[in-house]
Amino acid sequence: TIRHQLKPHGINSGWREIVRTMNTQKAVTTLAQNQQDQVIMIRRCSEPNQNVRKLYDALKYKYAPFTKRKSVVHKSELENEQFIEIQAMALG
């Protein structure tokens, strides 16, 4: 388990504290429309703070769960219900 992997590194936090610490790193989705009526969607994550980096180092994880992603969605695809749901989740 994760807690078992953290103990040799001197991290003895409870699960709730680990989750609270990790929730300080956020993923952000930004949507914008360009002059060609295309929707530009950019997804990136925030820089982890020192406590999150300590956990990542102990677990040998990368600091960013994904690299910056940029997508272009044509206006006709905006009518697709799945994209509308994704847009609502991103804004919500």
PDB file of N, CA and C in Angstrom:
ATOM      1  N   THR A   1       0.834  -1.192   0.000  1.00  0.00           N
ATOM      2  CA  THR A   1       0.000   0.000   0.000  1.00  0.00           C
ATOM      3  C   THR A   1       0.874   1.250   0.000  1.00  0.00           C
ATOM      4  N   ILE A   2       0.247   2.366  -0.264  1.00  0.00           N
ATOM      5  CA  ILE A   2       0.991   3.630  -0.313  1.00  0.00           C
ATOM      6  C   ILE A   2       1.571   3.967   1.050  1.00  0.00           C
ATOM      7  N   ARG A   3       0.772   3.831   2.116  1.00  0.00           N
ATOM      8  CA  ARG A   3       1.279   4.157   3.461  1.00  0.00           C
ATOM      9  C   ARG A   3       2.475   3.280   3.812  1.00  0.00           C
ATOM     10  N   HIS A   4       2.442   2.017   3.409  1.00  0.00           N
ATOM     11  CA  HIS A   4       3.562   1.108   3.663  1.00  0.00           C
ATOM     12  C   HIS A   4       4.820   1.580   2.922  1.00  0.00           C
ATOM     13  N   GLN A   5       4.656   2.095   1.709  1.00  0.00           N
ATOM     14  CA  GLN A   5       5.790   2.595   0.929  1.00  0.00           C
ATOM     15  C   GLN A   5       6.346   3.889   1.503  1.00  0.00           C
ATOM     16  N   LEU A   6       5.509   4.675   2.184  1.00  0.00           N
ATOM     17  CA  LEU A   6       5.945   5.961   2.738  1.00  0.00           C
ATOM     18  C   LEU A   6       6.674   5.816   4.069  1.00  0.00           C
ATOM     19  N   LYS A   7       6.353   4.786   4.852  1.00  0.00           N
ATOM     20  CA  LYS A   7       6.939   4.634   6.192  1.00  0.00           C
ATOM     21  C   LYS A   7       8.466   4.579   6.190  1.00  0.00           C
ATOM     22  N   PRO A   8       9.116   3.857   5.277  1.00  0.00           N
ATOM     23  CA  PRO A   8      10.592   3.855   5.284  1.00  0.00           C
ATOM     24  C   PRO A   8      11.207   5.239   5.054  1.00  0.00           C
ATOM     25  N   HIS A   9      10.422   6.164   4.522  1.00  0.00           N
ATOM     26  CA  HIS A   9      10.902   7.524   4.255  1.00  0.00           C
ATOM     27  C   HIS A   9      10.533   8.478   5.384  1.00  0.00           C
ATOM     28  N   GLY A  10      10.042   7.922   6.495  1.00  0.00           N
ATOM     29  CA  GLY A  10       9.709   8.740   7.655  1.00  0.00           C
ATOM     30  C   GLY A  10       8.382   9.469   7.548  1.00  0.00           C
ATOM     31  N   ILE A  11       7.544   9.065   6.627  1.00  0.00           N
ATOM     32  CA  ILE A  11       6.229   9.690   6.464  1.00  0.00           C
ATOM     33  C   ILE A  11       5.197   8.745   7.071  1.00  0.00           C
ATOM     34  N   ASN A  12       4.671   9.128   8.230  1.00  0.00           N
ATOM     35  CA  ASN A  12       3.741   8.276   8.966  1.00  0.00           C
ATOM     36  C   ASN A  12       2.339   8.869   9.034  1.00  0.00           C
ATOM     37  N   SER A  13       1.991   9.700   8.092  1.00  0.00           N
ATOM     38  CA  SER A  13       0.688  10.364   8.077  1.00  0.00           C
ATOM     39  C   SER A  13      -0.429   9.361   7.835  1.00  0.00           C
ATOM     40  N   GLY A  14      -1.613   9.695   8.374  1.00  0.00           N
ATOM     41  CA  GLY A  14      -2.794   8.894   8.103  1.00  0.00           C
ATOM     42  C   GLY A  14      -3.278   9.138   6.686  1.00  0.00           C
ATOM     43  N   TRP A  15      -4.168   8.255   6.228  1.00  0.00           N
ATOM     44  CA  TRP A  15      -4.642   8.348   4.856  1.00  0.00           C
ATOM     45  C   TRP A  15      -5.335   9.679   4.580  1.00  0.00           C
ATOM     46  N   ARG A  16      -6.152  10.153   5.523  1.00  0.00           N
ATOM     47  CA  ARG A  16      -6.851  11.426   5.312  1.00  0.00           C
ATOM     48  C   ARG A  16      -5.868  12.580   5.144  1.00  0.00           C
ATOM     49  N   GLU A  17      -4.789  12.566   5.894  1.00  0.00           N
ATOM     50  CA  GLU A  17      -3.782  13.630   5.783  1.00  0.00           C
ATOM     51  C   GLU A  17      -3.062  13.546   4.434  1.00  0.00           C
ATOM     52  N   ILE A  18      -2.780  12.334   3.981  1.00  0.00           N
ATOM     53  CA  ILE A  18      -2.131  12.153   2.677  1.00  0.00           C
ATOM     54  C   ILE A  18      -3.041  12.691   1.569  1.00  0.00           C
ATOM     55  N   VAL A  19      -4.317  12.347   1.616  1.00  0.00           N
ATOM     56  CA  VAL A  19      -5.272  12.819   0.603  1.00  0.00           C
ATOM     57  C   VAL A  19      -5.393  14.336   0.664  1.00  0.00           C
ATOM     58  N   ARG A  20      -5.481  14.905   1.874  1.00  0.00           N
ATOM     59  CA  ARG A  20      -5.585  16.359   2.023  1.00  0.00           C
ATOM     60  C   ARG A  20      -4.364  17.043   1.414  1.00  0.00           C
ATOM     61  N   THR A  21      -3.183  16.499   1.670  1.00  0.00           N
ATOM     62  CA  THR A  21      -1.945  17.057   1.126  1.00  0.00           C
ATOM     63  C   THR A  21      -1.930  16.972  -0.398  1.00  0.00           C
ATOM     64  N   MET A  22      -2.301  15.826  -0.937  1.00  0.00           N
ATOM     65  CA  MET A  22      -2.270  15.641  -2.386  1.00  0.00           C
ATOM     66  C   MET A  22      -3.328  16.491  -3.090  1.00  0.00           C
ATOM     67  N   ASN A  23      -4.419  16.803  -2.417  1.00  0.00           N
ATOM     68  CA  ASN A  23      -5.470  17.626  -3.021  1.00  0.00           C
ATOM     69  C   ASN A  23      -5.058  19.083  -3.197  1.00  0.00           C
ATOM     70  N   THR A  24      -3.877  19.454  -2.717  1.00  0.00           N
ATOM     71  CA  THR A  24      -3.409  20.823  -2.932  1.00  0.00           C
ATOM     72  C   THR A  24      -2.893  21.016  -4.354  1.00  0.00           C
ATOM     73  N   GLN A  25      -2.570  19.922  -5.043  1.00  0.00           N
ATOM     74  CA  GLN A  25      -2.176  20.020  -6.447  1.00  0.00           C
ATOM     75  C   GLN A  25      -3.433  19.880  -7.297  1.00  0.00           C
ATOM     76  N   LYS A  26      -3.661  20.818  -8.184  1.00  0.00           N
ATOM     77  CA  LYS A  26      -4.901  20.865  -8.952  1.00  0.00           C
ATOM     78  C   LYS A  26      -4.654  20.703 -10.447  1.00  0.00           C
ATOM     79  N   ALA A  27      -5.647  20.158 -11.125  1.00  0.00           N
ATOM     80  CA  ALA A  27      -5.662  20.114 -12.587  1.00  0.00           C
ATOM     81  C   ALA A  27      -6.657  21.168 -13.057  1.00  0.00           C
ATOM     82  N   VAL A  28      -6.262  21.959 -14.054  1.00  0.00           N
ATOM     83  CA  VAL A  28      -7.090  23.060 -14.534  1.00  0.00           C
ATOM     84  C   VAL A  28      -7.354  22.875 -16.025  1.00  0.00           C
ATOM     85  N   THR A  29      -8.618  23.043 -16.413  1.00  0.00           N
ATOM     86  CA  THR A  29      -9.001  22.999 -17.819  1.00  0.00           C
ATOM     87  C   THR A  29      -9.515  24.372 -18.217  1.00  0.00           C
ATOM     88  N   THR A  30      -8.948  24.937 -19.283  1.00  0.00           N
ATOM     89  CA  THR A  30      -9.359  26.246 -19.776  1.00  0.00           C
ATOM     90  C   THR A  30      -9.925  26.080 -21.182  1.00  0.00           C
ATOM     91  N   LEU A  31     -11.096  26.670 -21.411  1.00  0.00           N
ATOM     92  CA  LEU A  31     -11.732  26.622 -22.725  1.00  0.00           C
ATOM     93  C   LEU A  31     -11.829  28.036 -23.280  1.00  0.00           C
ATOM     94  N   ALA A  32     -11.507  28.199 -24.571  1.00  0.00           N
ATOM     95  CA  ALA A  32     -11.609  29.503 -25.230  1.00  0.00           C
ATOM     96  C   ALA A  32     -11.986  29.276 -26.688  1.00  0.00           C
ATOM     97  N   GLN A  33     -12.618  30.261 -27.291  1.00  0.00           N
ATOM     98  CA  GLN A  33     -13.015  30.159 -28.693  1.00  0.00           C
ATOM     99  C   GLN A  33     -12.162  31.114 -29.511  1.00  0.00           C
ATOM    100  N   ASN A  34     -11.614  30.612 -30.628  1.00  0.00           N
ATOM    101  CA  ASN A  34     -10.789  31.470 -31.484  1.00  0.00           C
ATOM    102  C   ASN A  34     -11.628  32.084 -32.604  1.00  0.00           C
ATOM    103  N   GLN A  35     -10.987  32.831 -33.490  1.00  0.00           N
ATOM    104  CA  GLN A  35     -11.701  33.541 -34.557  1.00  0.00           C
ATOM    105  C   GLN A  35     -12.285  32.605 -35.611  1.00  0.00           C
ATOM    106  N   GLN A  36     -11.808  31.381 -35.675  1.00  0.00           N
ATOM    107  CA  GLN A  36     -12.339  30.408 -36.631  1.00  0.00           C
ATOM    108  C   GLN A  36     -13.458  29.564 -36.012  1.00  0.00           C
ATOM    109  N   ASP A  37     -14.013  30.027 -34.900  1.00  0.00           N
ATOM    110  CA  ASP A  37     -15.082  29.318 -34.182  1.00  0.00           C
ATOM    111  C   ASP A  37     -14.659  27.928 -33.725  1.00  0.00           C
ATOM    112  N   GLN A  38     -13.403  27.767 -33.448  1.00  0.00           N
ATOM    113  CA  GLN A  38     -12.921  26.525 -32.871  1.00  0.00           C
ATOM    114  C   GLN A  38     -12.757  26.748 -31.372  1.00  0.00           C
ATOM    115  N   VAL A  39     -12.992  25.695 -30.619  1.00  0.00           N
ATOM    116  CA  VAL A  39     -12.799  25.779 -29.177  1.00  0.00           C
ATOM    117  C   VAL A  39     -11.420  25.224 -28.859  1.00  0.00           C
ATOM    118  N   ILE A  40     -10.634  26.010 -28.163  1.00  0.00           N
ATOM    119  CA  ILE A  40      -9.302  25.594 -27.732  1.00  0.00           C
ATOM    120  C   ILE A  40      -9.433  25.143 -26.279  1.00  0.00           C
ATOM    121  N   MET A  41      -9.023  23.921 -26.009  1.00  0.00           N
ATOM    122  CA  MET A  41      -9.079  23.396 -24.651  1.00  0.00           C
ATOM    123  C   MET A  41      -7.652  23.121 -24.189  1.00  0.00           C
ATOM    124  N   ILE A  42      -7.255  23.738 -23.103  1.00  0.00           N
ATOM    125  CA  ILE A  42      -5.913  23.551 -22.552  1.00  0.00           C
ATOM    126  C   ILE A  42      -6.062  22.956 -21.162  1.00  0.00           C
ATOM    127  N   ARG A  43      -5.358  21.870 -20.913  1.00  0.00           N
ATOM    128  CA  ARG A  43      -5.410  21.207 -19.607  1.00  0.00           C
ATOM    129  C   ARG A  43      -3.995  21.110 -19.062  1.00  0.00           C
ATOM    130  N   ARG A  44      -3.824  21.562 -17.832  1.00  0.00           N
ATOM    131  CA  ARG A  44      -2.508  21.485 -17.199  1.00  0.00           C
ATOM    132  C   ARG A  44      -2.690  21.353 -15.705  1.00  0.00           C
ATOM    133  N   CYS A  45      -1.641  20.961 -15.019  1.00  0.00           N
ATOM    134  CA  CYS A  45      -1.731  20.817 -13.568  1.00  0.00           C
ATOM    135  C   CYS A  45      -0.812  21.829 -12.898  1.00  0.00           C
ATOM    136  N   SER A  46      -1.154  22.153 -11.660  1.00  0.00           N
ATOM    137  CA  SER A  46      -0.380  23.133 -10.908  1.00  0.00           C
ATOM    138  C   SER A  46       0.941  22.519 -10.445  1.00  0.00           C
ATOM    139  N   GLU A  47       1.857  23.382 -10.057  1.00  0.00           N
ATOM    140  CA  GLU A  47       3.130  22.924  -9.507  1.00  0.00           C
ATOM    141  C   GLU A  47       2.883  22.366  -8.110  1.00  0.00           C
ATOM    142  N   PRO A  48       3.427  21.201  -7.785  1.00  0.00           N
ATOM    143  CA  PRO A  48       3.219  20.654  -6.443  1.00  0.00           C
ATOM    144  C   PRO A  48       4.009  21.436  -5.401  1.00  0.00           C
ATOM    145  N   ASN A  49       3.423  21.573  -4.203  1.00  0.00           N
ATOM    146  CA  ASN A  49       4.151  22.244  -3.131  1.00  0.00           C
ATOM    147  C   ASN A  49       5.182  21.283  -2.530  1.00  0.00           C
ATOM    148  N   GLN A  50       5.921  21.749  -1.557  1.00  0.00           N
ATOM    149  CA  GLN A  50       7.025  20.964  -0.988  1.00  0.00           C
ATOM    150  C   GLN A  50       6.535  19.655  -0.366  1.00  0.00           C
ATOM    151  N   ASN A  51       5.391  19.680   0.318  1.00  0.00           N
ATOM    152  CA  ASN A  51       4.869  18.463   0.947  1.00  0.00           C
ATOM    153  C   ASN A  51       4.455  17.425  -0.090  1.00  0.00           C
ATOM    154  N   VAL A  52       3.861  17.874  -1.171  1.00  0.00           N
ATOM    155  CA  VAL A  52       3.456  16.959  -2.241  1.00  0.00           C
ATOM    156  C   VAL A  52       4.699  16.383  -2.918  1.00  0.00           C
ATOM    157  N   ARG A  53       5.705  17.217  -3.135  1.00  0.00           N
ATOM    158  CA  ARG A  53       6.951  16.730  -3.745  1.00  0.00           C
ATOM    159  C   ARG A  53       7.611  15.661  -2.889  1.00  0.00           C
ATOM    160  N   LYS A  54       7.537  15.849  -1.583  1.00  0.00           N
ATOM    161  CA  LYS A  54       8.120  14.864  -0.659  1.00  0.00           C
ATOM    162  C   LYS A  54       7.422  13.509  -0.829  1.00  0.00           C
ATOM    163  N   LEU A  55       6.101  13.532  -0.948  1.00  0.00           N
ATOM    164  CA  LEU A  55       5.359  12.288  -1.163  1.00  0.00           C
ATOM    165  C   LEU A  55       5.697  11.680  -2.524  1.00  0.00           C
ATOM    166  N   TYR A  56       5.736  12.508  -3.565  1.00  0.00           N
ATOM    167  CA  TYR A  56       6.086  12.016  -4.899  1.00  0.00           C
ATOM    168  C   TYR A  56       7.487  11.404  -4.913  1.00  0.00           C
ATOM    169  N   ASP A  57       8.436  12.069  -4.268  1.00  0.00           N
ATOM    170  CA  ASP A  57       9.802  11.543  -4.228  1.00  0.00           C
ATOM    171  C   ASP A  57       9.847  10.183  -3.531  1.00  0.00           C
ATOM    172  N   ALA A  58       9.137  10.068  -2.405  1.00  0.00           N
ATOM    173  CA  ALA A  58       9.130   8.812  -1.661  1.00  0.00           C
ATOM    174  C   ALA A  58       8.509   7.680  -2.477  1.00  0.00           C
ATOM    175  N   LEU A  59       7.518   8.009  -3.283  1.00  0.00           N
ATOM    176  CA  LEU A  59       6.833   7.000  -4.094  1.00  0.00           C
ATOM    177  C   LEU A  59       7.437   6.839  -5.488  1.00  0.00           C
ATOM    178  N   LYS A  60       8.428   7.681  -5.810  1.00  0.00           N
ATOM    179  CA  LYS A  60       9.088   7.684  -7.119  1.00  0.00           C
ATOM    180  C   LYS A  60       8.100   7.997  -8.247  1.00  0.00           C
ATOM    181  N   TYR A  61       7.212   8.958  -7.984  1.00  0.00           N
ATOM    182  CA  TYR A  61       6.253   9.427  -8.979  1.00  0.00           C
ATOM    183  C   TYR A  61       6.772  10.702  -9.625  1.00  0.00           C
ATOM    184  N   LYS A  62       6.276  10.999 -10.820  1.00  0.00           N
ATOM    185  CA  LYS A  62       6.585  12.275 -11.472  1.00  0.00           C
ATOM    186  C   LYS A  62       5.807  13.383 -10.775  1.00  0.00           C
ATOM    187  N   TYR A  63       6.337  14.608 -10.802  1.00  0.00           N
ATOM    188  CA  TYR A  63       5.669  15.742 -10.162  1.00  0.00           C
ATOM    189  C   TYR A  63       4.384  16.142 -10.880  1.00  0.00           C
ATOM    190  N   ALA A  64       4.308  15.894 -12.158  1.00  0.00           N
ATOM    191  CA  ALA A  64       3.107  16.239 -12.923  1.00  0.00           C
ATOM    192  C   ALA A  64       2.488  14.944 -13.447  1.00  0.00           C
ATOM    193  N   PRO A  65       1.205  14.690 -13.141  1.00  0.00           N
ATOM    194  CA  PRO A  65       0.584  13.455 -13.619  1.00  0.00           C
ATOM    195  C   PRO A  65       0.427  13.414 -15.138  1.00  0.00           C
ATOM    196  N   PHE A  66       0.458  14.571 -15.782  1.00  0.00           N
ATOM    197  CA  PHE A  66       0.403  14.639 -17.242  1.00  0.00           C
ATOM    198  C   PHE A  66       1.062  15.935 -17.682  1.00  0.00           C
ATOM    199  N   THR A  67       1.470  15.970 -18.950  1.00  0.00           N
ATOM    200  CA  THR A  67       2.053  17.194 -19.483  1.00  0.00           C
ATOM    201  C   THR A  67       0.923  18.106 -19.957  1.00  0.00           C
ATOM    202  N   LYS A  68       1.255  19.336 -20.247  1.00  0.00           N
ATOM    203  CA  LYS A  68       0.257  20.297 -20.733  1.00  0.00           C
ATOM    204  C   LYS A  68      -0.377  19.750 -22.003  1.00  0.00           C
ATOM    205  N   ARG A  69      -1.703  19.744 -22.038  1.00  0.00           N
ATOM    206  CA  ARG A  69      -2.428  19.238 -23.201  1.00  0.00           C
ATOM    207  C   ARG A  69      -3.211  20.373 -23.849  1.00  0.00           C
ATOM    208  N   LYS A  70      -3.131  20.440 -25.157  1.00  0.00           N
ATOM    209  CA  LYS A  70      -3.875  21.462 -25.894  1.00  0.00           C
ATOM    210  C   LYS A  70      -4.645  20.761 -27.004  1.00  0.00           C
ATOM    211  N   SER A  71      -5.947  21.021 -27.079  1.00  0.00           N
ATOM    212  CA  SER A  71      -6.805  20.397 -28.085  1.00  0.00           C
ATOM    213  C   SER A  71      -7.604  21.470 -28.801  1.00  0.00           C
ATOM    214  N   VAL A  72      -7.865  21.240 -30.083  1.00  0.00           N
ATOM    215  CA  VAL A  72      -8.736  22.121 -30.855  1.00  0.00           C
ATOM    216  C   VAL A  72      -9.973  21.309 -31.209  1.00  0.00           C
ATOM    217  N   VAL A  73     -11.140  21.849 -30.851  1.00  0.00           N
ATOM    218  CA  VAL A  73     -12.400  21.171 -31.120  1.00  0.00           C
ATOM    219  C   VAL A  73     -13.206  22.049 -32.065  1.00  0.00           C
ATOM    220  N   HIS A  74     -13.624  21.503 -33.199  1.00  0.00           N
ATOM    221  CA  HIS A  74     -14.396  22.277 -34.173  1.00  0.00           C
ATOM    222  C   HIS A  74     -15.803  22.534 -33.656  1.00  0.00           C
ATOM    223  N   LYS A  75     -16.383  23.625 -34.084  1.00  0.00           N
ATOM    224  CA  LYS A  75     -17.683  24.063 -33.577  1.00  0.00           C
ATOM    225  C   LYS A  75     -18.753  22.989 -33.751  1.00  0.00           C
ATOM    226  N   SER A  76     -18.722  22.250 -34.851  1.00  0.00           N
ATOM    227  CA  SER A  76     -19.728  21.207 -35.076  1.00  0.00           C
ATOM    228  C   SER A  76     -19.683  20.139 -33.988  1.00  0.00           C
ATOM    229  N   GLU A  77     -18.516  19.925 -33.426  1.00  0.00           N
ATOM    230  CA  GLU A  77     -18.374  18.933 -32.368  1.00  0.00           C
ATOM    231  C   GLU A  77     -18.918  19.429 -31.038  1.00  0.00           C
ATOM    232  N   LEU A  78     -19.155  20.733 -30.934  1.00  0.00           N
ATOM    233  CA  LEU A  78     -19.701  21.278 -29.699  1.00  0.00           C
ATOM    234  C   LEU A  78     -21.104  20.749 -29.435  1.00  0.00           C
ATOM    235  N   GLU A  79     -21.808  20.368 -30.475  1.00  0.00           N
ATOM    236  CA  GLU A  79     -23.159  19.857 -30.327  1.00  0.00           C
ATOM    237  C   GLU A  79     -23.166  18.437 -29.779  1.00  0.00           C
ATOM    238  N   ASN A  80     -22.045  17.807 -29.801  1.00  0.00           N
ATOM    239  CA  ASN A  80     -21.929  16.460 -29.281  1.00  0.00           C
ATOM    240  C   ASN A  80     -22.144  16.486 -27.766  1.00  0.00           C
ATOM    241  N   GLU A  81     -23.078  15.682 -27.275  1.00  0.00           N
ATOM    242  CA  GLU A  81     -23.401  15.690 -25.848  1.00  0.00           C
ATOM    243  C   GLU A  81     -22.197  15.379 -24.976  1.00  0.00           C
ATOM    244  N   GLN A  82     -21.349  14.473 -25.424  1.00  0.00           N
ATOM    245  CA  GLN A  82     -20.194  14.100 -24.619  1.00  0.00           C
ATOM    246  C   GLN A  82     -19.293  15.309 -24.376  1.00  0.00           C
ATOM    247  N   PHE A  83     -19.061  16.142 -25.389  1.00  0.00           N
ATOM    248  CA  PHE A  83     -18.215  17.315 -25.198  1.00  0.00           C
ATOM    249  C   PHE A  83     -18.873  18.299 -24.242  1.00  0.00           C
ATOM    250  N   ILE A  84     -20.192  18.435 -24.356  1.00  0.00           N
ATOM    251  CA  ILE A  84     -20.911  19.346 -23.468  1.00  0.00           C
ATOM    252  C   ILE A  84     -20.766  18.880 -22.023  1.00  0.00           C
ATOM    253  N   GLU A  85     -20.831  17.568 -21.792  1.00  0.00           N
ATOM    254  CA  GLU A  85     -20.645  17.040 -20.439  1.00  0.00           C
ATOM    255  C   GLU A  85     -19.231  17.313 -19.948  1.00  0.00           C
ATOM    256  N   ILE A  86     -18.241  17.132 -20.810  1.00  0.00           N
ATOM    257  CA  ILE A  86     -16.853  17.412 -20.432  1.00  0.00           C
ATOM    258  C   ILE A  86     -16.698  18.886 -20.103  1.00  0.00           C
ATOM    259  N   GLN A  87     -17.308  19.745 -20.912  1.00  0.00           N
ATOM    260  CA  GLN A  87     -17.230  21.186 -20.680  1.00  0.00           C
ATOM    261  C   GLN A  87     -17.866  21.531 -19.333  1.00  0.00           C
ATOM    262  N   ALA A  88     -19.005  20.931 -19.020  1.00  0.00           N
ATOM    263  CA  ALA A  88     -19.677  21.200 -17.750  1.00  0.00           C
ATOM    264  C   ALA A  88     -18.814  20.749 -16.580  1.00  0.00           C
ATOM    265  N   MET A  89     -18.155  19.593 -16.723  1.00  0.00           N
ATOM    266  CA  MET A  89     -17.276  19.111 -15.651  1.00  0.00           C
ATOM    267  C   MET A  89     -16.089  20.044 -15.485  1.00  0.00           C
ATOM    268  N   ALA A  90     -15.553  20.530 -16.579  1.00  0.00           N
ATOM    269  CA  ALA A  90     -14.386  21.407 -16.514  1.00  0.00           C
ATOM    270  C   ALA A  90     -14.732  22.727 -15.848  1.00  0.00           C
ATOM    271  N   LEU A  91     -15.931  23.210 -16.081  1.00  0.00           N
ATOM    272  CA  LEU A  91     -16.338  24.487 -15.504  1.00  0.00           C
ATOM    273  C   LEU A  91     -16.883  24.327 -14.094  1.00  0.00           C
ATOM    274  N   GLY A  92     -17.364  23.139 -13.770  1.00  0.00           N
ATOM    275  CA  GLY A  92     -18.024  22.904 -12.495  1.00  0.00           C
ATOM    276  C   GLY A  92     -17.086  22.665 -11.391  1.00  0.00           C
TER     277      GLY A  92
END
